[in-house]
Amino acid sequence: MGFLLEVKDMTKLTRLKLAKLHTGKSQWDVAKETGIPQTVVSLYERELKEPKPDHKETLAKLFGKKVRELWK
């Protein structure tokens, strides 16, 4: 059986969250691989906090994206 993601409100899926889901990583995985605390990853993902420039670079690199692909 494959992975099934039930999405009720697509507007809540930020570019960062979509990149994370596409790779199958959890917030904990992202935190472990980047050194960015999981709670901070969560805030970034929900757009409740603007990522520091170095965090933007780190996260973009992790997901194989350019910074402008994840943030406006």
PDB file of N, CA and C in Angstrom:
ATOM      1  N   MET A   1       0.850  -1.185   0.000  1.00  0.00           N
ATOM      2  CA  MET A   1       0.000   0.000   0.000  1.00  0.00           C
ATOM      3  C   MET A   1       0.892   1.243   0.000  1.00  0.00           C
ATOM      4  N   GLY A   2       0.581   2.223  -0.836  1.00  0.00           N
ATOM      5  CA  GLY A   2       1.387   3.426  -0.965  1.00  0.00           C
ATOM      6  C   GLY A   2       1.077   4.468   0.098  1.00  0.00           C
ATOM      7  N   PHE A   3       1.876   5.504   0.080  1.00  0.00           N
ATOM      8  CA  PHE A   3       1.712   6.615   1.011  1.00  0.00           C
ATOM      9  C   PHE A   3       0.503   7.438   0.594  1.00  0.00           C
ATOM     10  N   LEU A   4      -0.394   7.707   1.516  1.00  0.00           N
ATOM     11  CA  LEU A   4      -1.594   8.490   1.233  1.00  0.00           C
ATOM     12  C   LEU A   4      -1.590   9.719   2.119  1.00  0.00           C
ATOM     13  N   LEU A   5      -1.703  10.872   1.512  1.00  0.00           N
ATOM     14  CA  LEU A   5      -1.751  12.123   2.245  1.00  0.00           C
ATOM     15  C   LEU A   5      -3.116  12.739   2.029  1.00  0.00           C
ATOM     16  N   GLU A   6      -3.856  12.893   3.105  1.00  0.00           N
ATOM     17  CA  GLU A   6      -5.159  13.536   3.005  1.00  0.00           C
ATOM     18  C   GLU A   6      -4.963  15.020   3.245  1.00  0.00           C
ATOM     19  N   VAL A   7      -5.327  15.805   2.256  1.00  0.00           N
ATOM     20  CA  VAL A   7      -5.176  17.249   2.348  1.00  0.00           C
ATOM     21  C   VAL A   7      -6.549  17.873   2.303  1.00  0.00           C
ATOM     22  N   LYS A   8      -6.893  18.588   3.379  1.00  0.00           N
ATOM     23  CA  LYS A   8      -8.204  19.220   3.441  1.00  0.00           C
ATOM     24  C   LYS A   8      -8.158  20.661   2.966  1.00  0.00           C
ATOM     25  N   ASP A   9      -7.007  21.329   3.158  1.00  0.00           N
ATOM     26  CA  ASP A   9      -6.903  22.731   2.784  1.00  0.00           C
ATOM     27  C   ASP A   9      -5.539  22.975   2.152  1.00  0.00           C
ATOM     28  N   MET A  10      -5.504  22.985   0.829  1.00  0.00           N
ATOM     29  CA  MET A  10      -4.244  23.146   0.107  1.00  0.00           C
ATOM     30  C   MET A  10      -3.585  24.496   0.378  1.00  0.00           C
ATOM     31  N   THR A  11      -4.331  25.500   0.795  1.00  0.00           N
ATOM     32  CA  THR A  11      -3.732  26.805   1.034  1.00  0.00           C
ATOM     33  C   THR A  11      -2.785  26.779   2.225  1.00  0.00           C
ATOM     34  N   LYS A  12      -2.878  25.786   3.072  1.00  0.00           N
ATOM     35  CA  LYS A  12      -2.010  25.684   4.242  1.00  0.00           C
ATOM     36  C   LYS A  12      -0.659  25.051   3.907  1.00  0.00           C
ATOM     37  N   LEU A  13      -0.524  24.518   2.703  1.00  0.00           N
ATOM     38  CA  LEU A  13       0.727  23.871   2.325  1.00  0.00           C
ATOM     39  C   LEU A  13       1.687  24.903   1.749  1.00  0.00           C
ATOM     40  N   THR A  14       2.658  25.294   2.544  1.00  0.00           N
ATOM     41  CA  THR A  14       3.663  26.250   2.092  1.00  0.00           C
ATOM     42  C   THR A  14       4.665  25.535   1.191  1.00  0.00           C
ATOM     43  N   ARG A  15       5.452  26.301   0.486  1.00  0.00           N
ATOM     44  CA  ARG A  15       6.465  25.708  -0.395  1.00  0.00           C
ATOM     45  C   ARG A  15       7.442  24.850   0.399  1.00  0.00           C
ATOM     46  N   LEU A  16       7.790  25.306   1.587  1.00  0.00           N
ATOM     47  CA  LEU A  16       8.695  24.531   2.436  1.00  0.00           C
ATOM     48  C   LEU A  16       8.058  23.202   2.828  1.00  0.00           C
ATOM     49  N   LYS A  17       6.810  23.237   3.225  1.00  0.00           N
ATOM     50  CA  LYS A  17       6.130  22.000   3.622  1.00  0.00           C
ATOM     51  C   LYS A  17       5.993  21.052   2.433  1.00  0.00           C
ATOM     52  N   LEU A  18       5.671  21.581   1.272  1.00  0.00           N
ATOM     53  CA  LEU A  18       5.562  20.740   0.079  1.00  0.00           C
ATOM     54  C   LEU A  18       6.898  20.076  -0.246  1.00  0.00           C
ATOM     55  N   ALA A  19       7.986  20.828  -0.125  1.00  0.00           N
ATOM     56  CA  ALA A  19       9.309  20.260  -0.380  1.00  0.00           C
ATOM     57  C   ALA A  19       9.606  19.156   0.624  1.00  0.00           C
ATOM     58  N   LYS A  20       9.246  19.386   1.868  1.00  0.00           N
ATOM     59  CA  LYS A  20       9.467  18.393   2.918  1.00  0.00           C
ATOM     60  C   LYS A  20       8.651  17.140   2.651  1.00  0.00           C
ATOM     61  N   LEU A  21       7.389  17.302   2.307  1.00  0.00           N
ATOM     62  CA  LEU A  21       6.517  16.157   2.030  1.00  0.00           C
ATOM     63  C   LEU A  21       6.995  15.386   0.796  1.00  0.00           C
ATOM     64  N   HIS A  22       7.459  16.122  -0.207  1.00  0.00           N
ATOM     65  CA  HIS A  22       7.925  15.494  -1.441  1.00  0.00           C
ATOM     66  C   HIS A  22       9.110  14.560  -1.182  1.00  0.00           C
ATOM     67  N   THR A  23       9.950  14.929  -0.224  1.00  0.00           N
ATOM     68  CA  THR A  23      11.117  14.103   0.082  1.00  0.00           C
ATOM     69  C   THR A  23      10.815  13.044   1.138  1.00  0.00           C
ATOM     70  N   GLY A  24       9.628  13.119   1.738  1.00  0.00           N
ATOM     71  CA  GLY A  24       9.264  12.140   2.761  1.00  0.00           C
ATOM     72  C   GLY A  24       9.920  12.381   4.102  1.00  0.00           C
ATOM     73  N   LYS A  25      10.462  13.565   4.287  1.00  0.00           N
ATOM     74  CA  LYS A  25      11.132  13.895   5.549  1.00  0.00           C
ATOM     75  C   LYS A  25      10.138  14.447   6.563  1.00  0.00           C
ATOM     76  N   SER A  26      10.396  14.176   7.820  1.00  0.00           N
ATOM     77  CA  SER A  26       9.614  14.770   8.900  1.00  0.00           C
ATOM     78  C   SER A  26      10.328  16.042   9.361  1.00  0.00           C
ATOM     79  N   GLN A  27       9.662  16.820  10.202  1.00  0.00           N
ATOM     80  CA  GLN A  27      10.318  17.997  10.776  1.00  0.00           C
ATOM     81  C   GLN A  27      11.533  17.565  11.585  1.00  0.00           C
ATOM     82  N   TRP A  28      11.439  16.432  12.236  1.00  0.00           N
ATOM     83  CA  TRP A  28      12.568  15.916  13.030  1.00  0.00           C
ATOM     84  C   TRP A  28      13.735  15.558  12.123  1.00  0.00           C
ATOM     85  N   ASP A  29      13.437  14.964  10.959  1.00  0.00           N
ATOM     86  CA  ASP A  29      14.495  14.640   9.998  1.00  0.00           C
ATOM     87  C   ASP A  29      15.204  15.917   9.544  1.00  0.00           C
ATOM     88  N   VAL A  30      14.416  16.923   9.206  1.00  0.00           N
ATOM     89  CA  VAL A  30      14.972  18.197   8.753  1.00  0.00           C
ATOM     90  C   VAL A  30      15.839  18.811   9.848  1.00  0.00           C
ATOM     91  N   ALA A  31      15.346  18.787  11.066  1.00  0.00           N
ATOM     92  CA  ALA A  31      16.104  19.340  12.189  1.00  0.00           C
ATOM     93  C   ALA A  31      17.432  18.602  12.370  1.00  0.00           C
ATOM     94  N   LYS A  32      17.377  17.298  12.319  1.00  0.00           N
ATOM     95  CA  LYS A  32      18.577  16.478  12.504  1.00  0.00           C
ATOM     96  C   LYS A  32      19.603  16.732  11.403  1.00  0.00           C
ATOM     97  N   GLU A  33      19.132  16.859  10.168  1.00  0.00           N
ATOM     98  CA  GLU A  33      20.026  17.031   9.027  1.00  0.00           C
ATOM     99  C   GLU A  33      20.568  18.444   8.875  1.00  0.00           C
ATOM    100  N   THR A  34      19.878  19.431   9.444  1.00  0.00           N
ATOM    101  CA  THR A  34      20.299  20.824   9.267  1.00  0.00           C
ATOM    102  C   THR A  34      20.839  21.477  10.533  1.00  0.00           C
ATOM    103  N   GLY A  35      20.496  20.925  11.689  1.00  0.00           N
ATOM    104  CA  GLY A  35      20.882  21.568  12.944  1.00  0.00           C
ATOM    105  C   GLY A  35      19.926  22.676  13.361  1.00  0.00           C
ATOM    106  N   ILE A  36      18.866  22.873  12.593  1.00  0.00           N
ATOM    107  CA  ILE A  36      17.840  23.864  12.933  1.00  0.00           C
ATOM    108  C   ILE A  36      16.837  23.168  13.857  1.00  0.00           C
ATOM    109  N   PRO A  37      16.550  23.726  15.033  1.00  0.00           N
ATOM    110  CA  PRO A  37      15.621  23.052  15.951  1.00  0.00           C
ATOM    111  C   PRO A  37      14.269  22.744  15.296  1.00  0.00           C
ATOM    112  N   GLN A  38      13.694  21.605  15.651  1.00  0.00           N
ATOM    113  CA  GLN A  38      12.415  21.172  15.083  1.00  0.00           C
ATOM    114  C   GLN A  38      11.332  22.215  15.300  1.00  0.00           C
ATOM    115  N   THR A  39      11.316  22.848  16.460  1.00  0.00           N
ATOM    116  CA  THR A  39      10.296  23.866  16.729  1.00  0.00           C
ATOM    117  C   THR A  39      10.430  25.049  15.780  1.00  0.00           C
ATOM    118  N   VAL A  40      11.657  25.372  15.419  1.00  0.00           N
ATOM    119  CA  VAL A  40      11.897  26.474  14.482  1.00  0.00           C
ATOM    120  C   VAL A  40      11.489  26.051  13.069  1.00  0.00           C
ATOM    121  N   VAL A  41      11.800  24.821  12.690  1.00  0.00           N
ATOM    122  CA  VAL A  41      11.367  24.299  11.389  1.00  0.00           C
ATOM    123  C   VAL A  41       9.848  24.404  11.286  1.00  0.00           C
ATOM    124  N   SER A  42       9.159  24.048  12.354  1.00  0.00           N
ATOM    125  CA  SER A  42       7.697  24.129  12.380  1.00  0.00           C
ATOM    126  C   SER A  42       7.213  25.564  12.167  1.00  0.00           C
ATOM    127  N   LEU A  43       7.843  26.513  12.832  1.00  0.00           N
ATOM    128  CA  LEU A  43       7.458  27.924  12.675  1.00  0.00           C
ATOM    129  C   LEU A  43       7.691  28.398  11.239  1.00  0.00           C
ATOM    130  N   TYR A  44       8.814  27.995  10.652  1.00  0.00           N
ATOM    131  CA  TYR A  44       9.109  28.361   9.269  1.00  0.00           C
ATOM    132  C   TYR A  44       8.079  27.750   8.329  1.00  0.00           C
ATOM    133  N   GLU A  45       7.776  26.480   8.577  1.00  0.00           N
ATOM    134  CA  GLU A  45       6.855  25.747   7.713  1.00  0.00           C
ATOM    135  C   GLU A  45       5.460  26.366   7.715  1.00  0.00           C
ATOM    136  N   ARG A  46       5.047  26.860   8.863  1.00  0.00           N
ATOM    137  CA  ARG A  46       3.715  27.469   8.972  1.00  0.00           C
ATOM    138  C   ARG A  46       3.750  28.975   8.699  1.00  0.00           C
ATOM    139  N   GLU A  47       4.928  29.473   8.312  1.00  0.00           N
ATOM    140  CA  GLU A  47       5.137  30.894   8.013  1.00  0.00           C
ATOM    141  C   GLU A  47       4.789  31.799   9.192  1.00  0.00           C
ATOM    142  N   LEU A  48       5.083  31.321  10.383  1.00  0.00           N
ATOM    143  CA  LEU A  48       4.880  32.120  11.588  1.00  0.00           C
ATOM    144  C   LEU A  48       6.157  32.861  11.969  1.00  0.00           C
ATOM    145  N   LYS A  49       7.247  32.495  11.313  1.00  0.00           N
ATOM    146  CA  LYS A  49       8.529  33.151  11.542  1.00  0.00           C
ATOM    147  C   LYS A  49       9.293  33.154  10.227  1.00  0.00           C
ATOM    148  N   GLU A  50       9.915  34.281   9.919  1.00  0.00           N
ATOM    149  CA  GLU A  50      10.733  34.393   8.710  1.00  0.00           C
ATOM    150  C   GLU A  50      12.096  33.753   8.983  1.00  0.00           C
ATOM    151  N   PRO A  51      12.507  32.826   8.131  1.00  0.00           N
ATOM    152  CA  PRO A  51      13.799  32.175   8.342  1.00  0.00           C
ATOM    153  C   PRO A  51      14.969  33.140   8.213  1.00  0.00           C
ATOM    154  N   LYS A  52      15.995  32.903   9.012  1.00  0.00           N
ATOM    155  CA  LYS A  52      17.242  33.650   8.881  1.00  0.00           C
ATOM    156  C   LYS A  52      17.817  33.325   7.503  1.00  0.00           C
ATOM    157  N   PRO A  53      18.569  34.255   6.909  1.00  0.00           N
ATOM    158  CA  PRO A  53      19.137  34.000   5.576  1.00  0.00           C
ATOM    159  C   PRO A  53      19.957  32.706   5.505  1.00  0.00           C
ATOM    160  N   ASP A  54      20.756  32.423   6.541  1.00  0.00           N
ATOM    161  CA  ASP A  54      21.555  31.197   6.501  1.00  0.00           C
ATOM    162  C   ASP A  54      20.679  29.952   6.615  1.00  0.00           C
ATOM    163  N   HIS A  55      19.552  30.050   7.319  1.00  0.00           N
ATOM    164  CA  HIS A  55      18.624  28.927   7.411  1.00  0.00           C
ATOM    165  C   HIS A  55      17.925  28.711   6.069  1.00  0.00           C
ATOM    166  N   LYS A  56      17.606  29.803   5.376  1.00  0.00           N
ATOM    167  CA  LYS A  56      17.000  29.676   4.047  1.00  0.00           C
ATOM    168  C   LYS A  56      17.939  28.915   3.119  1.00  0.00           C
ATOM    169  N   GLU A  57      19.209  29.279   3.138  1.00  0.00           N
ATOM    170  CA  GLU A  57      20.210  28.617   2.297  1.00  0.00           C
ATOM    171  C   GLU A  57      20.327  27.136   2.650  1.00  0.00           C
ATOM    172  N   THR A  58      20.391  26.844   3.944  1.00  0.00           N
ATOM    173  CA  THR A  58      20.536  25.468   4.414  1.00  0.00           C
ATOM    174  C   THR A  58      19.342  24.615   4.000  1.00  0.00           C
ATOM    175  N   LEU A  59      18.144  25.144   4.197  1.00  0.00           N
ATOM    176  CA  LEU A  59      16.933  24.391   3.856  1.00  0.00           C
ATOM    177  C   LEU A  59      16.797  24.206   2.344  1.00  0.00           C
ATOM    178  N   ALA A  60      17.092  25.246   1.589  1.00  0.00           N
ATOM    179  CA  ALA A  60      17.022  25.136   0.128  1.00  0.00           C
ATOM    180  C   ALA A  60      17.995  24.060  -0.354  1.00  0.00           C
ATOM    181  N   LYS A  61      19.200  24.057   0.174  1.00  0.00           N
ATOM    182  CA  LYS A  61      20.199  23.065  -0.215  1.00  0.00           C
ATOM    183  C   LYS A  61      19.726  21.651   0.138  1.00  0.00           C
ATOM    184  N   LEU A  62      19.152  21.486   1.318  1.00  0.00           N
ATOM    185  CA  LEU A  62      18.657  20.178   1.746  1.00  0.00           C
ATOM    186  C   LEU A  62      17.645  19.614   0.757  1.00  0.00           C
ATOM    187  N   PHE A  63      16.769  20.479   0.243  1.00  0.00           N
ATOM    188  CA  PHE A  63      15.709  20.037  -0.663  1.00  0.00           C
ATOM    189  C   PHE A  63      16.068  20.171  -2.138  1.00  0.00           C
ATOM    190  N   GLY A  64      17.313  20.561  -2.418  1.00  0.00           N
ATOM    191  CA  GLY A  64      17.738  20.682  -3.814  1.00  0.00           C
ATOM    192  C   GLY A  64      17.033  21.802  -4.551  1.00  0.00           C
ATOM    193  N   LYS A  65      16.736  22.872  -3.829  1.00  0.00           N
ATOM    194  CA  LYS A  65      16.014  24.014  -4.402  1.00  0.00           C
ATOM    195  C   LYS A  65      16.855  25.263  -4.288  1.00  0.00           C
ATOM    196  N   LYS A  66      16.416  26.303  -4.981  1.00  0.00           N
ATOM    197  CA  LYS A  66      16.994  27.636  -4.806  1.00  0.00           C
ATOM    198  C   LYS A  66      16.145  28.341  -3.764  1.00  0.00           C
ATOM    199  N   VAL A  67      16.756  29.276  -3.034  1.00  0.00           N
ATOM    200  CA  VAL A  67      16.030  29.997  -1.984  1.00  0.00           C
ATOM    201  C   VAL A  67      14.741  30.598  -2.536  1.00  0.00           C
ATOM    202  N   ARG A  68      14.810  31.205  -3.695  1.00  0.00           N
ATOM    203  CA  ARG A  68      13.616  31.868  -4.254  1.00  0.00           C
ATOM    204  C   ARG A  68      12.509  30.874  -4.624  1.00  0.00           C
ATOM    205  N   GLU A  69      12.833  29.595  -4.711  1.00  0.00           N
ATOM    206  CA  GLU A  69      11.812  28.594  -4.989  1.00  0.00           C
ATOM    207  C   GLU A  69      10.998  28.263  -3.726  1.00  0.00           C
ATOM    208  N   LEU A  70      11.585  28.500  -2.567  1.00  0.00           N
ATOM    209  CA  LEU A  70      10.892  28.201  -1.308  1.00  0.00           C
ATOM    210  C   LEU A  70      10.291  29.423  -0.644  1.00  0.00           C
ATOM    211  N   TRP A  71      10.890  30.599  -0.896  1.00  0.00           N
ATOM    212  CA  TRP A  71      10.386  31.837  -0.300  1.00  0.00           C
ATOM    213  C   TRP A  71      10.321  32.912  -1.358  1.00  0.00           C
ATOM    214  N   LYS A  72       9.359  33.813  -1.205  1.00  0.00           N
ATOM    215  CA  LYS A  72       9.165  34.907  -2.179  1.00  0.00           C
ATOM    216  C   LYS A  72      10.268  35.918  -2.063  1.00  0.00           C
TER     217      LYS A  72
END
